Protein backbone atom coordinates (compact mmCIF):
# COMPACT_ATOMS: atom_id res chain seq x y z
CA MET A 1 101.65 -111.54 39.18
CA THR A 2 104.21 -114.09 38.15
CA GLU A 3 107.90 -113.68 38.61
CA HIS A 4 108.77 -114.48 35.03
CA SER A 5 106.31 -113.36 32.46
CA ASP A 6 106.30 -114.31 28.83
CA THR A 7 105.10 -110.82 27.91
CA PRO A 8 107.92 -108.70 26.52
CA VAL A 9 108.67 -105.51 28.39
CA VAL A 10 110.05 -102.42 26.68
CA ILE A 11 112.04 -99.96 28.76
CA VAL A 12 112.64 -96.56 27.24
CA GLU A 13 115.39 -94.39 28.64
CA ARG A 14 115.45 -90.86 27.44
CA ARG A 15 118.93 -89.41 27.43
CA SER A 16 118.48 -86.83 24.71
CA SER A 17 115.98 -86.12 22.03
CA GLY A 18 118.55 -86.13 19.26
CA LEU A 19 117.60 -86.63 15.67
CA GLY A 20 120.34 -89.24 15.22
CA ALA A 21 118.94 -91.49 17.91
CA PHE A 22 115.48 -91.22 16.43
CA LEU A 23 116.67 -92.09 12.92
CA GLY A 24 118.82 -94.94 14.18
CA GLY A 25 115.92 -96.46 16.09
CA ALA A 26 113.54 -96.00 13.19
CA ILE A 27 115.93 -97.62 10.73
CA LEU A 28 116.69 -100.50 13.08
CA GLY A 29 112.99 -101.08 13.67
CA ALA A 30 112.25 -101.01 9.96
CA VAL A 31 115.07 -103.46 9.18
CA VAL A 32 114.00 -105.88 11.92
CA ALA A 33 110.37 -105.71 10.78
CA LEU A 34 111.34 -106.36 7.19
CA LEU A 35 113.67 -109.21 8.04
CA TYR A 36 110.90 -111.04 9.85
CA ALA A 37 108.32 -110.39 7.14
CA PRO A 38 107.52 -113.36 4.85
CA LYS A 39 108.56 -111.79 1.53
CA THR A 40 111.04 -112.47 -1.19
CA GLY A 41 114.52 -110.93 -1.13
CA GLU A 42 113.68 -108.47 -3.91
CA GLU A 43 110.47 -107.41 -2.21
CA THR A 44 112.30 -107.00 1.08
CA LYS A 45 115.08 -104.96 -0.56
CA ALA A 46 112.54 -102.75 -2.34
CA GLU A 47 110.60 -102.24 0.86
CA ILE A 48 113.81 -101.41 2.77
CA ARG A 49 114.73 -98.88 0.05
CA ASP A 50 111.23 -97.34 0.23
CA ARG A 51 111.26 -97.11 3.99
CA VAL A 52 114.80 -95.70 4.08
CA THR A 53 113.76 -93.12 1.48
CA ARG A 54 110.69 -92.21 3.53
CA LEU A 55 112.77 -92.02 6.71
CA ARG A 56 115.33 -89.83 4.94
CA ASP A 57 112.54 -87.59 3.65
CA ASP A 58 111.01 -87.43 7.13
CA ALA A 59 114.41 -86.59 8.60
CA ASP A 60 114.95 -83.89 5.96
CA ASN A 61 111.52 -82.45 6.70
CA ARG A 62 112.19 -82.45 10.43
CA TYR A 63 115.59 -80.88 9.86
CA ARG A 64 114.04 -78.14 7.71
CA ARG A 65 111.33 -77.45 10.28
CA VAL A 66 113.85 -77.27 13.11
CA ARG A 67 116.20 -75.11 11.02
CA ASP A 68 113.36 -72.77 10.05
CA ASP A 69 112.22 -72.58 13.66
CA VAL A 70 115.75 -71.77 14.84
CA GLU A 71 116.16 -69.17 12.09
CA ASP A 72 112.84 -67.57 13.06
CA ARG A 73 113.89 -67.47 16.70
CA VAL A 74 117.27 -65.99 15.81
CA LEU A 75 115.56 -63.30 13.73
CA ARG A 76 113.16 -62.51 16.58
CA VAL A 77 116.00 -62.32 19.10
CA ARG A 78 118.01 -60.09 16.75
CA GLY A 79 114.96 -57.89 16.31
CA ASP A 80 114.40 -57.73 20.07
CA ILE A 81 118.06 -56.90 20.67
CA SER A 82 118.00 -54.28 17.92
CA ASP A 83 114.85 -52.74 19.42
CA ARG A 84 116.42 -52.68 22.89
CA VAL A 85 119.62 -51.12 21.55
CA ASP A 86 117.61 -48.47 19.70
CA THR A 87 115.57 -47.78 22.84
CA ALA A 88 118.74 -47.53 24.93
CA ARG A 89 120.32 -45.15 22.40
CA GLU A 90 117.23 -42.97 22.36
CA ASP A 91 117.14 -42.96 26.16
CA LEU A 92 120.81 -42.01 26.23
CA ARG A 93 120.21 -39.16 23.75
CA HIS A 94 117.30 -37.95 25.85
CA ARG A 95 119.31 -38.08 29.07
CA LYS A 96 122.24 -36.32 27.41
CA ALA A 97 119.95 -33.54 26.18
CA LYS A 98 118.46 -33.18 29.67
CA ALA A 99 121.95 -33.08 31.21
CA GLU A 100 123.07 -30.42 28.72
CA GLU A 101 119.97 -28.36 29.46
CA ALA A 102 120.58 -28.72 33.20
CA MET A 103 124.18 -27.59 32.68
CA LYS A 104 122.99 -24.51 30.76
CA VAL A 105 120.46 -23.66 33.46
CA GLY A 106 123.09 -24.22 36.16
CA ARG A 107 125.63 -21.98 34.40
CA SER A 108 123.02 -19.30 33.86
CA THR A 109 121.89 -19.48 37.47
CA ALA A 110 125.48 -19.39 38.73
CA HIS A 111 126.27 -16.41 36.48
CA LYS A 112 123.20 -14.55 37.72
CA ALA A 113 124.01 -15.41 41.34
CA ARG A 114 127.55 -14.09 40.83
CA GLU A 115 126.27 -10.86 39.32
CA ASP A 116 123.81 -10.45 42.20
CA LEU A 117 126.55 -11.13 44.74
CA GLU A 118 128.96 -8.68 43.08
CA LYS A 119 126.18 -6.06 43.03
CA ARG A 120 125.44 -6.59 46.74
CA VAL A 121 129.13 -6.46 47.62
CA GLU A 122 129.47 -3.17 45.69
CA GLU A 123 126.35 -1.80 47.39
CA SER A 124 127.73 -2.87 50.77
CA LYS A 125 131.05 -1.17 50.02
CA GLU A 126 129.23 2.00 48.97
CA ASP A 127 127.08 1.90 52.15
CA TYR A 128 130.27 1.39 54.19
CA ARG A 129 132.01 4.34 52.50
CA GLN A 130 128.92 6.50 52.99
CA ARG A 131 128.68 5.58 56.68
CA ILE A 132 132.43 6.20 57.18
CA SER A 133 132.03 9.59 55.50
CA GLU A 134 129.04 10.45 57.71
CA LEU A 135 130.86 9.32 60.86
CA THR A 136 133.94 11.31 59.82
CA GLU A 137 131.84 14.44 59.28
CA GLU A 138 130.13 13.97 62.65
CA ALA A 139 133.48 13.46 64.34
CA GLU A 140 134.92 16.56 62.66
CA ASP A 141 131.84 18.59 63.65
CA GLU A 142 132.11 17.38 67.26
CA LEU A 143 135.83 18.11 67.29
CA ALA A 144 135.26 21.60 65.87
CA GLU A 145 132.58 22.24 68.47
CA ALA A 146 134.85 20.98 71.22
CA VAL A 147 137.67 23.24 70.03
CA GLU A 148 135.28 26.20 69.87
CA THR A 149 134.04 25.50 73.34
CA ALA A 150 137.58 25.19 74.62
CA GLU A 151 138.65 28.53 73.06
CA GLU A 152 135.78 30.56 74.46
CA PRO A 153 136.74 32.63 77.44
CA ALA A 154 135.49 31.26 80.56
CA ALA A 155 132.88 33.35 82.20
CA ASP A 156 133.65 33.10 85.78
């Protein structure tokens, strides 16, 4: 390979894929090509006008395609977001209903447990009163028997 070659080298650096850079390069290329073409001034001007018109039409078409694509994507994203919001709302409604039902069951269970506890406490109190009454009767009977035994004359 030689150090200096007569073959032209094109280096392309890609910084962004902007539409402006594309159009600028296309227009510059078209102008340079037309300027070096062996045609009359009128032919060259007409050709430049035609190519600029075609480039403008191409740019408009690209712009419309990109705009339509972006609009479609926006609509899809909005739809996805709307679906997710609806799903979240429905999930929230479902969870709220379950929580309300759990609260009702909890209140009912607590109420029943309280009634059962109050009933047992009352039964315990009644059992206690009954046992006290029985013990009191037994004690009175034993006391009466002891008094009777103490009053009997001793048989010596």
